[in-house]
């Protein structure tokens, strides 16, 4: 089974987390943290900054590493490096996603998460409690 290496941004602003809904492909309509594939020669942080610029038209500051999610989908193994991020500049524009929303710690469970992303929710809540 092939491994797909990706990065995900957990963008925090005013104690809220930015989440996106897939507009295409096998997992259309599922909710996820924005990000994408790491290109050859890129660090995970560089890939994340590039992907977020391409998908959402904003510049981000890549901050603390949260964890790497390993998840077996039916046709591939996903290895997803997840980082907390903040917005440096720009206005959010959805270029590839169907929808997006800002969620609070209390309503992080309110969307239909993609399986790999769902595993991050408890870690994110712990982090948000820690930073207050």
N, C-alpha and C. Protein backbone atom coordinates (compact mmCIF):
# COMPACT_ATOMS: atom_id res chain seq x y z
N UNK A 1 0.85 -1.18 0.00
CA UNK A 1 0.00 0.00 0.00
C UNK A 1 0.89 1.25 0.00
N UNK A 2 0.57 2.19 -0.86
CA UNK A 2 1.43 3.36 -0.93
C UNK A 2 1.12 4.33 0.22
N UNK A 3 2.16 5.06 0.65
CA UNK A 3 2.01 6.06 1.70
C UNK A 3 1.95 7.44 1.05
N UNK A 4 0.98 8.22 1.47
CA UNK A 4 0.85 9.60 0.99
C UNK A 4 1.22 10.51 2.16
N UNK A 5 2.26 11.36 1.95
CA UNK A 5 2.71 12.29 2.99
C UNK A 5 2.04 13.64 2.77
N UNK A 6 1.33 14.11 3.77
CA UNK A 6 0.66 15.40 3.66
C UNK A 6 0.89 16.21 4.93
N UNK A 7 0.49 17.47 4.84
CA UNK A 7 0.56 18.37 5.99
C UNK A 7 -0.82 18.99 6.19
N UNK A 8 -1.12 19.33 7.43
CA UNK A 8 -2.41 19.96 7.74
C UNK A 8 -2.19 21.14 8.67
N UNK A 9 -2.94 22.21 8.41
CA UNK A 9 -2.86 23.44 9.21
C UNK A 9 -4.05 23.52 10.15
N UNK A 10 -3.74 23.66 11.43
CA UNK A 10 -4.78 23.92 12.41
C UNK A 10 -4.68 25.42 12.69
N UNK A 11 -5.45 26.18 11.92
CA UNK A 11 -5.36 27.64 11.97
C UNK A 11 -6.22 28.16 13.11
N UNK A 12 -5.57 28.87 14.04
CA UNK A 12 -6.26 29.40 15.21
C UNK A 12 -6.33 30.92 15.12
N UNK A 13 -7.53 31.46 15.38
CA UNK A 13 -7.72 32.91 15.42
C UNK A 13 -8.83 33.20 16.44
N UNK A 14 -8.55 34.05 17.40
CA UNK A 14 -9.53 34.35 18.45
C UNK A 14 -10.11 33.09 19.09
N UNK A 15 -9.21 32.14 19.41
CA UNK A 15 -9.59 30.87 20.06
C UNK A 15 -10.56 30.03 19.23
N UNK A 16 -10.60 30.29 17.93
CA UNK A 16 -11.41 29.47 17.03
C UNK A 16 -10.49 28.78 16.03
N UNK A 17 -10.97 27.65 15.50
CA UNK A 17 -10.20 26.82 14.58
C UNK A 17 -10.88 26.84 13.21
N UNK A 18 -10.08 27.06 12.16
CA UNK A 18 -10.61 27.11 10.80
C UNK A 18 -10.65 25.70 10.21
N UNK A 19 -11.82 25.28 9.71
CA UNK A 19 -11.98 23.95 9.11
C UNK A 19 -12.63 24.09 7.73
N UNK A 20 -12.33 23.14 6.86
CA UNK A 20 -12.83 23.22 5.49
C UNK A 20 -13.54 21.93 5.10
N UNK A 21 -14.45 22.06 4.14
CA UNK A 21 -15.21 20.92 3.63
C UNK A 21 -14.74 20.60 2.23
N UNK A 22 -14.38 19.35 2.00
CA UNK A 22 -13.87 18.95 0.69
C UNK A 22 -14.94 19.12 -0.38
N UNK A 23 -14.53 19.69 -1.51
CA UNK A 23 -15.46 19.91 -2.60
C UNK A 23 -15.30 18.93 -3.76
N UNK A 24 -14.43 17.93 -3.60
CA UNK A 24 -14.13 17.05 -4.72
C UNK A 24 -13.65 15.69 -4.22
N UNK A 25 -13.61 14.74 -5.12
CA UNK A 25 -12.95 13.47 -4.87
C UNK A 25 -13.73 12.49 -4.02
N UNK A 26 -13.02 11.43 -3.64
CA UNK A 26 -13.59 10.31 -2.92
C UNK A 26 -14.22 10.73 -1.58
N UNK A 27 -13.66 11.76 -0.96
CA UNK A 27 -14.13 12.17 0.36
C UNK A 27 -14.87 13.50 0.32
N UNK A 28 -15.50 13.79 -0.83
CA UNK A 28 -16.27 15.03 -1.00
C UNK A 28 -17.26 15.18 0.15
N UNK A 29 -17.40 16.41 0.62
CA UNK A 29 -18.32 16.79 1.71
C UNK A 29 -17.80 16.49 3.12
N UNK A 30 -16.70 15.74 3.24
CA UNK A 30 -16.13 15.51 4.57
C UNK A 30 -15.38 16.74 5.04
N UNK A 31 -15.32 16.95 6.34
CA UNK A 31 -14.62 18.11 6.91
C UNK A 31 -13.20 17.73 7.28
N UNK A 32 -12.30 18.70 7.10
CA UNK A 32 -10.87 18.44 7.32
C UNK A 32 -10.16 19.74 7.69
N UNK A 33 -8.92 19.58 8.12
CA UNK A 33 -8.04 20.73 8.31
C UNK A 33 -7.35 20.96 6.97
N UNK A 34 -7.27 22.21 6.52
CA UNK A 34 -6.68 22.47 5.20
C UNK A 34 -5.20 22.12 5.16
N UNK A 35 -4.72 21.81 3.96
CA UNK A 35 -3.32 21.45 3.76
C UNK A 35 -3.17 20.71 2.46
N UNK A 36 -2.16 19.86 2.36
CA UNK A 36 -1.97 19.13 1.12
C UNK A 36 -0.67 18.35 1.11
N UNK A 37 -0.30 17.89 -0.08
CA UNK A 37 0.86 17.03 -0.24
C UNK A 37 2.17 17.81 -0.11
N UNK A 38 3.17 17.09 0.40
CA UNK A 38 4.53 17.65 0.48
C UNK A 38 5.23 17.33 -0.83
N UNK A 39 5.75 18.37 -1.49
CA UNK A 39 6.48 18.18 -2.75
C UNK A 39 7.93 17.79 -2.45
N UNK A 40 8.58 17.09 -3.39
CA UNK A 40 10.00 16.72 -3.17
C UNK A 40 10.83 17.97 -2.86
N UNK A 41 11.69 17.86 -1.85
CA UNK A 41 12.58 18.97 -1.51
C UNK A 41 12.00 19.98 -0.54
N UNK A 42 10.72 19.85 -0.21
CA UNK A 42 10.10 20.78 0.73
C UNK A 42 10.13 20.24 2.16
N UNK A 43 10.26 21.13 3.12
CA UNK A 43 10.02 20.72 4.50
C UNK A 43 8.51 20.71 4.71
N UNK A 44 8.02 20.01 5.73
CA UNK A 44 6.58 20.06 5.99
C UNK A 44 6.06 21.49 6.18
N UNK A 45 6.85 22.33 6.85
CA UNK A 45 6.43 23.71 7.08
C UNK A 45 6.33 24.50 5.77
N UNK A 46 7.30 24.30 4.88
CA UNK A 46 7.26 24.99 3.57
C UNK A 46 6.06 24.51 2.76
N UNK A 47 5.81 23.21 2.79
CA UNK A 47 4.67 22.66 2.05
C UNK A 47 3.36 23.24 2.58
N UNK A 48 3.26 23.36 3.88
CA UNK A 48 2.03 23.87 4.48
C UNK A 48 1.80 25.33 4.09
N UNK A 49 2.83 26.15 4.17
CA UNK A 49 2.69 27.56 3.79
C UNK A 49 2.26 27.67 2.32
N UNK A 50 2.88 26.86 1.45
CA UNK A 50 2.54 26.89 0.02
C UNK A 50 1.11 26.42 -0.22
N UNK A 51 0.74 25.30 0.35
CA UNK A 51 -0.61 24.75 0.15
C UNK A 51 -1.70 25.73 0.63
N UNK A 52 -1.49 26.34 1.78
CA UNK A 52 -2.50 27.25 2.32
C UNK A 52 -2.60 28.50 1.45
N UNK A 53 -1.47 28.97 0.92
CA UNK A 53 -1.50 30.11 -0.01
C UNK A 53 -2.30 29.73 -1.26
N UNK A 54 -2.06 28.51 -1.79
CA UNK A 54 -2.76 28.05 -3.00
C UNK A 54 -4.25 27.83 -2.76
N UNK A 55 -4.60 27.24 -1.61
CA UNK A 55 -6.00 26.87 -1.35
C UNK A 55 -6.84 28.01 -0.79
N UNK A 56 -6.22 28.86 0.03
CA UNK A 56 -7.00 29.85 0.79
C UNK A 56 -6.56 31.30 0.57
N UNK A 57 -5.47 31.50 -0.21
CA UNK A 57 -4.99 32.83 -0.55
C UNK A 57 -4.56 33.65 0.67
N UNK A 58 -4.04 32.98 1.71
CA UNK A 58 -3.52 33.70 2.86
C UNK A 58 -2.09 33.26 3.15
N UNK A 59 -1.35 34.14 3.83
CA UNK A 59 -0.01 33.81 4.33
C UNK A 59 -0.18 33.37 5.77
N UNK A 60 0.43 32.24 6.12
CA UNK A 60 0.33 31.76 7.50
C UNK A 60 1.70 31.72 8.16
N UNK A 61 1.66 31.78 9.47
CA UNK A 61 2.83 31.53 10.31
C UNK A 61 2.66 30.11 10.82
N UNK A 62 3.59 29.21 10.44
CA UNK A 62 3.51 27.82 10.91
C UNK A 62 4.14 27.77 12.30
N UNK A 63 3.35 27.34 13.27
CA UNK A 63 3.81 27.33 14.67
C UNK A 63 4.10 25.94 15.18
N UNK A 64 3.59 25.65 16.36
CA UNK A 64 3.88 24.40 17.05
C UNK A 64 3.42 23.17 16.26
N UNK A 65 4.28 22.15 16.26
CA UNK A 65 3.93 20.84 15.71
C UNK A 65 2.99 20.17 16.72
N UNK A 66 1.89 19.61 16.23
CA UNK A 66 0.97 18.90 17.12
C UNK A 66 1.29 17.41 17.13
N UNK A 67 1.14 16.74 15.99
CA UNK A 67 1.44 15.32 15.90
C UNK A 67 1.36 14.89 14.44
N UNK A 68 1.81 13.66 14.18
CA UNK A 68 1.66 13.06 12.86
C UNK A 68 0.58 11.99 12.97
N UNK A 69 -0.46 12.14 12.17
CA UNK A 69 -1.55 11.17 12.15
C UNK A 69 -1.20 10.11 11.10
N UNK A 70 -1.26 8.86 11.51
CA UNK A 70 -1.08 7.73 10.58
C UNK A 70 -2.45 7.08 10.44
N UNK A 71 -2.93 6.98 9.21
CA UNK A 71 -4.27 6.41 9.03
C UNK A 71 -4.32 5.57 7.76
N UNK A 72 -4.90 4.38 7.84
CA UNK A 72 -5.05 3.51 6.67
C UNK A 72 -6.41 3.71 6.03
N UNK A 73 -6.40 4.37 4.87
CA UNK A 73 -7.61 4.44 4.05
C UNK A 73 -7.62 3.17 3.20
N UNK A 74 -8.74 2.85 2.54
CA UNK A 74 -8.79 1.60 1.75
C UNK A 74 -7.70 1.49 0.69
N UNK A 75 -7.35 2.60 0.03
CA UNK A 75 -6.41 2.49 -1.10
C UNK A 75 -5.02 3.07 -0.83
N UNK A 76 -4.78 3.65 0.36
CA UNK A 76 -3.46 4.21 0.66
C UNK A 76 -3.31 4.43 2.17
N UNK A 77 -2.05 4.60 2.59
CA UNK A 77 -1.74 4.92 3.98
C UNK A 77 -1.43 6.42 4.03
N UNK A 78 -2.08 7.12 4.95
CA UNK A 78 -1.87 8.57 5.09
C UNK A 78 -0.94 8.84 6.26
N UNK A 79 0.07 9.67 6.03
CA UNK A 79 0.93 10.18 7.09
C UNK A 79 0.78 11.69 7.05
N UNK A 80 0.12 12.27 8.06
CA UNK A 80 -0.24 13.69 8.03
C UNK A 80 0.42 14.43 9.19
N UNK A 81 1.39 15.30 8.86
CA UNK A 81 2.04 16.15 9.86
C UNK A 81 1.14 17.35 10.12
N UNK A 82 0.79 17.58 11.38
CA UNK A 82 -0.16 18.63 11.73
C UNK A 82 0.50 19.72 12.56
N UNK A 83 0.27 20.96 12.17
CA UNK A 83 0.88 22.10 12.84
C UNK A 83 -0.18 23.14 13.18
N UNK A 84 0.00 23.78 14.34
CA UNK A 84 -0.83 24.93 14.66
C UNK A 84 -0.30 26.12 13.87
N UNK A 85 -1.22 26.94 13.34
CA UNK A 85 -0.82 28.06 12.49
C UNK A 85 -1.64 29.30 12.85
N UNK A 86 -1.10 30.45 12.49
CA UNK A 86 -1.85 31.70 12.60
C UNK A 86 -1.79 32.41 11.25
N UNK A 87 -2.75 33.29 11.02
CA UNK A 87 -2.80 34.04 9.77
C UNK A 87 -1.89 35.26 9.88
N UNK A 88 -0.94 35.39 8.93
CA UNK A 88 -0.06 36.56 8.90
C UNK A 88 -0.70 37.68 8.10
N UNK A 89 -1.24 37.32 6.92
CA UNK A 89 -1.84 38.35 6.06
C UNK A 89 -2.77 37.71 5.03
N UNK A 90 -3.61 38.55 4.45
CA UNK A 90 -4.52 38.08 3.41
C UNK A 90 -5.92 37.89 3.95
N UNK A 91 -6.84 37.68 3.00
CA UNK A 91 -8.24 37.45 3.35
C UNK A 91 -8.59 36.06 2.84
N UNK A 92 -9.20 35.24 3.70
CA UNK A 92 -9.50 33.86 3.34
C UNK A 92 -10.41 33.78 2.11
N UNK A 93 -9.94 33.05 1.10
CA UNK A 93 -10.72 32.80 -0.11
C UNK A 93 -10.73 31.29 -0.33
N UNK A 94 -11.91 30.70 -0.48
CA UNK A 94 -11.99 29.25 -0.73
C UNK A 94 -11.79 28.98 -2.21
N UNK A 95 -10.63 28.41 -2.57
CA UNK A 95 -10.34 28.13 -3.97
C UNK A 95 -10.65 26.69 -4.33
N UNK A 96 -10.57 25.78 -3.36
CA UNK A 96 -10.75 24.36 -3.66
C UNK A 96 -11.82 23.70 -2.80
N UNK A 97 -12.27 24.39 -1.77
CA UNK A 97 -13.21 23.76 -0.84
C UNK A 97 -14.63 24.22 -1.09
N UNK A 98 -15.56 23.38 -0.67
CA UNK A 98 -16.98 23.63 -0.85
C UNK A 98 -17.50 24.62 0.19
N UNK A 99 -16.97 24.51 1.41
CA UNK A 99 -17.41 25.36 2.51
C UNK A 99 -16.31 25.41 3.55
N UNK A 100 -16.44 26.36 4.48
CA UNK A 100 -15.50 26.48 5.58
C UNK A 100 -16.22 27.13 6.73
N UNK A 101 -15.68 26.92 7.93
CA UNK A 101 -16.24 27.61 9.09
C UNK A 101 -15.21 27.68 10.20
N UNK A 102 -15.46 28.58 11.13
CA UNK A 102 -14.65 28.70 12.32
C UNK A 102 -15.38 27.98 13.44
N UNK A 103 -14.70 27.05 14.11
CA UNK A 103 -15.30 26.30 15.20
C UNK A 103 -14.60 26.64 16.52
N UNK A 104 -15.37 26.63 17.58
CA UNK A 104 -14.80 26.82 18.91
C UNK A 104 -14.46 25.44 19.48
N UNK A 105 -13.75 25.44 20.59
CA UNK A 105 -13.42 24.18 21.24
C UNK A 105 -14.70 23.40 21.56
N UNK A 106 -15.75 24.11 21.93
CA UNK A 106 -17.01 23.47 22.32
C UNK A 106 -17.73 22.80 21.14
N UNK A 107 -17.56 23.35 19.93
CA UNK A 107 -18.30 22.74 18.81
C UNK A 107 -17.40 22.07 17.76
N UNK A 108 -16.19 21.70 18.16
CA UNK A 108 -15.29 20.99 17.24
C UNK A 108 -15.88 19.65 16.78
N UNK A 109 -16.78 19.08 17.58
CA UNK A 109 -17.38 17.79 17.23
C UNK A 109 -18.62 17.92 16.35
N UNK A 110 -18.94 19.15 15.93
CA UNK A 110 -20.23 19.39 15.26
C UNK A 110 -20.23 19.12 13.75
N UNK A 111 -19.07 18.78 13.18
CA UNK A 111 -19.02 18.52 11.74
C UNK A 111 -18.67 17.05 11.50
N UNK A 112 -18.91 16.58 10.29
CA UNK A 112 -18.64 15.20 9.90
C UNK A 112 -17.19 15.10 9.42
N UNK A 113 -16.27 14.86 10.35
CA UNK A 113 -14.84 14.85 10.06
C UNK A 113 -14.45 13.67 9.17
N UNK A 114 -13.44 13.89 8.32
CA UNK A 114 -12.80 12.78 7.62
C UNK A 114 -12.09 11.93 8.69
N UNK A 115 -11.97 10.62 8.46
CA UNK A 115 -11.45 9.75 9.52
C UNK A 115 -10.09 10.17 10.09
N UNK A 116 -9.14 10.54 9.25
CA UNK A 116 -7.81 10.89 9.75
C UNK A 116 -7.86 12.16 10.60
N UNK A 117 -8.67 13.14 10.19
CA UNK A 117 -8.75 14.41 10.91
C UNK A 117 -9.46 14.26 12.25
N UNK A 118 -10.41 13.36 12.29
CA UNK A 118 -11.20 13.14 13.52
C UNK A 118 -10.29 12.80 14.70
N UNK A 119 -9.22 12.08 14.42
CA UNK A 119 -8.29 11.68 15.47
C UNK A 119 -7.56 12.83 16.14
N UNK A 120 -7.60 14.01 15.56
CA UNK A 120 -6.88 15.16 16.11
C UNK A 120 -7.69 15.94 17.14
N UNK A 121 -8.98 15.74 17.17
CA UNK A 121 -9.87 16.62 17.93
C UNK A 121 -9.50 16.69 19.42
N UNK A 122 -9.27 15.54 20.04
CA UNK A 122 -8.94 15.55 21.48
C UNK A 122 -7.62 16.27 21.75
N UNK A 123 -6.61 16.04 20.88
CA UNK A 123 -5.31 16.71 21.05
C UNK A 123 -5.45 18.22 20.91
N UNK A 124 -6.29 18.66 19.98
CA UNK A 124 -6.50 20.09 19.77
C UNK A 124 -7.18 20.70 20.99
N UNK A 125 -8.17 20.01 21.53
CA UNK A 125 -8.86 20.52 22.73
C UNK A 125 -7.88 20.67 23.88
N UNK A 126 -7.01 19.67 24.06
CA UNK A 126 -6.01 19.75 25.14
C UNK A 126 -5.08 20.94 24.95
N UNK A 127 -4.66 21.16 23.71
CA UNK A 127 -3.77 22.27 23.40
C UNK A 127 -4.46 23.61 23.69
N UNK A 128 -5.72 23.73 23.26
CA UNK A 128 -6.45 24.97 23.49
C UNK A 128 -6.63 25.25 24.98
N UNK A 129 -6.88 24.21 25.75
CA UNK A 129 -6.99 24.38 27.21
C UNK A 129 -5.66 24.85 27.80
N UNK A 130 -4.57 24.28 27.28
CA UNK A 130 -3.23 24.60 27.79
C UNK A 130 -2.88 26.08 27.52
N UNK A 131 -3.22 26.57 26.31
CA UNK A 131 -2.86 27.95 25.98
C UNK A 131 -3.88 28.94 26.52
N UNK A 132 -5.02 28.42 26.99
CA UNK A 132 -6.03 29.27 27.60
C UNK A 132 -6.65 30.21 26.65
